[in-house]
Amino acid sequence: MEFMTGSDAVHHTANQWNSTAALLAATPAPVGREAMWVQALAFLKVGHHDGAHLVASVLVVDAGGLVLLARHRRYRQWGPLGGHLDPNDAGLCAAAARELFEEAGLVPNVYPTPIDVRLSSYPCRTVAEPVLHLDVQFVASTTASAPTLVAGDELTRLQWCGAPDLTSLSSAAAELVGRARSAATWRC
């Protein structure tokens, strides 16, 4: 698989890959996600990341337990906010915070311990064919009341969701929301 040429090409630094490996190795896998954690660590240990993309995603939980979800234009699904690490991102948590600000105008508290990891192959804005993505997922909290949000270029909608709204999510998204709510509760 080849990268697109020009400014849309994604290049991650060796330090970003190494710090991701160290973070995942130091973080216990969430219950039920152990196999995915092992798979991600094995991928990182091999060290051949040519063409792979590193992604930081984040779910925001507000003081009332509402969860911020984004409807993604390309994938037409609800999920967390986030995106590829930029070369100048110090690490995953910093990238998650940057993405939250860029996509939703929020500056919440992003917890530095990941709540999940996904290793999957799919096309994205930087390549025409599916490419391997390592998506490390975080939770963030905000004590402010839920602001009115306006979607950007990559998103068609942003929505604060409560329990009744979550029934229309895919099972993977609903499980991630559950992990985010649990993590936000015990970290506050």
Protein backbone atom coordinates (compact mmCIF):
# COMPACT_ATOMS: atom_id res chain seq x y z
CA MET A 1 0.00 0.00 0.00
CA GLU A 2 1.30 3.40 -0.87
CA PHE A 3 0.80 6.71 0.85
CA MET A 4 -0.73 9.54 -1.07
CA THR A 5 1.79 12.17 -1.98
CA GLY A 6 1.58 15.69 -0.67
CA SER A 7 0.40 17.09 2.65
CA ASP A 8 -2.14 14.31 3.28
CA ALA A 9 0.56 11.63 3.72
CA VAL A 10 0.74 10.14 7.24
CA HIS A 11 4.15 9.57 8.80
CA HIS A 12 4.58 8.55 12.41
CA THR A 13 7.85 8.88 14.28
CA ALA A 14 9.72 5.98 15.85
CA ASN A 15 9.24 7.71 19.20
CA GLN A 16 5.45 7.71 18.71
CA TRP A 17 5.44 3.97 17.99
CA ASN A 18 7.82 3.26 20.90
CA SER A 19 5.83 5.35 23.38
CA THR A 20 2.64 3.61 22.25
CA ALA A 21 4.24 0.21 22.88
CA ALA A 22 5.42 1.34 26.34
CA LEU A 23 1.99 2.74 27.23
CA LEU A 24 0.13 -0.42 26.21
CA ALA A 25 2.67 -2.67 27.93
CA ALA A 26 2.24 -0.69 31.17
CA THR A 27 -1.58 -0.68 31.01
CA PRO A 28 -3.64 -3.72 31.99
CA ALA A 29 -6.04 -4.80 29.25
CA PRO A 30 -9.70 -4.07 29.92
CA VAL A 31 -11.76 -7.12 30.86
CA GLY A 32 -12.88 -8.89 27.72
CA ARG A 33 -10.34 -7.07 25.52
CA GLU A 34 -7.24 -9.07 26.48
CA ALA A 35 -6.88 -10.78 23.09
CA MET A 36 -6.94 -7.47 21.23
CA TRP A 37 -4.40 -6.01 23.67
CA VAL A 38 -2.06 -8.97 23.08
CA GLN A 39 -2.49 -8.62 19.31
CA ALA A 40 -1.68 -4.88 19.45
CA LEU A 41 1.40 -5.48 21.61
CA ALA A 42 2.60 -8.22 19.25
CA PHE A 43 2.18 -5.85 16.29
CA LEU A 44 4.15 -3.14 18.11
CA LYS A 45 6.89 -5.58 19.17
CA VAL A 46 7.54 -6.66 15.56
CA GLY A 47 8.44 -3.05 14.76
CA HIS A 48 7.53 -3.08 11.06
CA HIS A 49 5.05 -0.24 10.91
CA ASP A 50 5.67 0.86 7.32
CA GLY A 51 2.37 2.09 5.97
CA ALA A 52 0.46 1.53 9.23
CA HIS A 53 -1.39 4.42 10.83
CA LEU A 54 -1.44 5.36 14.50
CA VAL A 55 -4.74 6.82 15.73
CA ALA A 56 -5.87 8.32 19.05
CA SER A 57 -9.62 8.31 19.76
CA VAL A 58 -11.49 9.72 22.72
CA LEU A 59 -14.96 9.61 24.23
CA VAL A 60 -15.97 12.54 26.44
CA VAL A 61 -18.25 11.93 29.41
CA ASP A 62 -19.88 15.01 30.97
CA ALA A 63 -20.79 15.54 34.62
CA GLY A 64 -24.30 14.18 34.03
CA GLY A 65 -23.08 10.96 32.38
CA LEU A 66 -23.81 12.01 28.80
CA VAL A 67 -21.29 10.72 26.24
CA LEU A 68 -20.16 12.74 23.23
CA LEU A 69 -20.36 10.78 19.98
CA ALA A 70 -19.49 11.79 16.44
CA ARG A 71 -21.19 10.70 13.24
CA HIS A 72 -18.34 10.17 10.78
CA ARG A 73 -18.89 11.37 7.22
CA ARG A 74 -16.77 8.69 5.53
CA TYR A 75 -17.97 5.68 7.56
CA ARG A 76 -21.56 6.81 8.26
CA GLN A 77 -21.35 5.46 11.81
CA TRP A 78 -21.38 6.86 15.33
CA GLY A 79 -18.17 6.59 17.31
CA PRO A 80 -15.51 8.45 19.26
CA LEU A 81 -13.74 11.59 18.11
CA GLY A 82 -10.11 11.28 17.12
CA GLY A 83 -7.67 10.89 14.32
CA HIS A 84 -4.15 10.18 13.12
CA LEU A 85 -1.20 11.32 15.16
CA ASP A 86 0.58 14.29 13.65
CA PRO A 87 4.39 14.18 13.52
CA ASN A 88 4.59 16.89 16.20
CA ASP A 89 2.18 15.18 18.64
CA ALA A 90 4.09 14.31 21.81
CA GLY A 91 2.03 11.16 22.27
CA LEU A 92 -1.38 9.57 22.11
CA CYS A 93 -3.00 11.54 24.93
CA ALA A 94 -1.81 14.84 23.42
CA ALA A 95 -3.16 13.77 20.02
CA ALA A 96 -6.52 12.86 21.56
CA ALA A 97 -6.73 16.30 23.22
CA ARG A 98 -5.76 18.04 19.96
CA GLU A 99 -8.39 16.10 18.02
CA LEU A 100 -11.07 16.99 20.58
CA PHE A 101 -10.24 20.66 20.21
CA GLU A 102 -10.10 20.51 16.40
CA GLU A 103 -13.29 18.50 15.98
CA ALA A 104 -15.48 19.75 18.84
CA GLY A 105 -13.85 22.85 20.30
CA LEU A 106 -13.54 21.09 23.67
CA VAL A 107 -10.62 21.15 26.08
CA PRO A 108 -11.62 18.46 28.60
CA ASN A 109 -9.41 16.37 30.85
CA VAL A 110 -8.13 13.41 28.79
CA TYR A 111 -7.10 10.56 31.08
CA PRO A 112 -3.66 9.19 30.09
CA THR A 113 -4.59 5.52 30.50
CA PRO A 114 -6.22 3.96 27.41
CA ILE A 115 -9.58 2.22 27.79
CA ASP A 116 -9.29 0.13 24.62
CA VAL A 117 -7.21 -0.57 21.55
CA ARG A 118 -8.27 -1.69 18.09
CA LEU A 119 -6.12 -3.05 15.27
CA SER A 120 -8.02 -3.03 12.01
CA SER A 121 -7.63 -2.33 8.32
CA TYR A 122 -9.75 0.23 6.51
CA PRO A 123 -9.41 3.01 3.92
CA CYS A 124 -9.00 6.55 5.21
CA ARG A 125 -8.44 10.03 3.83
CA THR A 126 -4.74 9.39 3.25
CA VAL A 127 -4.88 6.20 1.18
CA ALA A 128 -7.20 4.75 -1.43
CA GLU A 129 -6.90 1.12 -0.30
CA PRO A 130 -7.44 -0.30 3.21
CA VAL A 131 -4.47 0.27 5.51
CA LEU A 132 -3.72 -1.10 8.98
CA HIS A 133 -4.68 1.29 11.81
CA LEU A 134 -3.75 0.96 15.46
CA ASP A 135 -6.42 2.97 17.29
CA VAL A 136 -5.73 3.62 20.98
CA GLN A 137 -8.87 4.85 22.73
CA PHE A 138 -9.14 7.17 25.72
CA VAL A 139 -11.82 8.70 27.91
CA ALA A 140 -12.07 12.35 28.88
CA SER A 141 -14.29 14.17 31.32
CA THR A 142 -15.74 17.61 31.41
CA THR A 143 -17.57 19.22 34.32
CA ALA A 144 -19.12 21.90 32.14
CA SER A 145 -22.63 21.45 30.92
CA ALA A 146 -22.84 19.96 27.46
CA PRO A 147 -22.26 22.75 24.92
CA THR A 148 -24.01 22.97 21.58
CA LEU A 149 -21.63 21.44 19.08
CA VAL A 150 -21.20 21.99 15.37
CA ALA A 151 -19.70 19.24 13.21
CA GLY A 152 -16.65 19.87 11.01
CA ASP A 153 -15.33 18.58 7.69
CA GLU A 154 -14.88 14.95 8.76
CA LEU A 155 -18.03 14.71 10.85
CA THR A 156 -21.66 15.15 9.92
CA ARG A 157 -22.89 15.46 13.48
CA LEU A 158 -21.84 15.62 17.13
CA GLN A 159 -24.26 14.57 19.83
CA TRP A 160 -24.32 14.19 23.60
CA CYS A 161 -26.03 10.83 24.19
CA GLY A 162 -27.75 9.35 27.19
CA ALA A 163 -28.73 5.73 27.80
CA PRO A 164 -31.88 5.77 25.59
CA ASP A 165 -29.85 7.10 22.63
CA LEU A 166 -27.32 4.28 22.80
CA THR A 167 -29.64 1.49 21.64
CA SER A 168 -29.06 2.41 17.99
CA LEU A 169 -25.27 1.99 18.21
CA SER A 170 -23.32 -0.97 16.93
CA SER A 171 -22.42 -3.45 19.66
CA ALA A 172 -18.74 -2.41 19.47
CA ALA A 173 -19.62 1.29 19.89
CA ALA A 174 -22.02 0.51 22.75
CA GLU A 175 -19.33 -1.54 24.52
CA LEU A 176 -16.83 1.32 24.10
CA VAL A 177 -19.34 3.79 25.55
CA GLY A 178 -19.83 1.46 28.53
CA ARG A 179 -16.07 1.29 29.12
CA ALA A 180 -15.83 5.10 28.85
CA ARG A 181 -18.62 5.65 31.37
CA SER A 182 -17.08 3.17 33.81
CA ALA A 183 -13.63 4.71 33.44
CA ALA A 184 -14.95 8.26 33.88
CA THR A 185 -16.83 7.23 37.03
CA TRP A 186 -13.89 5.67 38.85
CA ARG A 187 -11.38 8.30 37.72
CA CYS A 188 -13.33 11.30 39.02
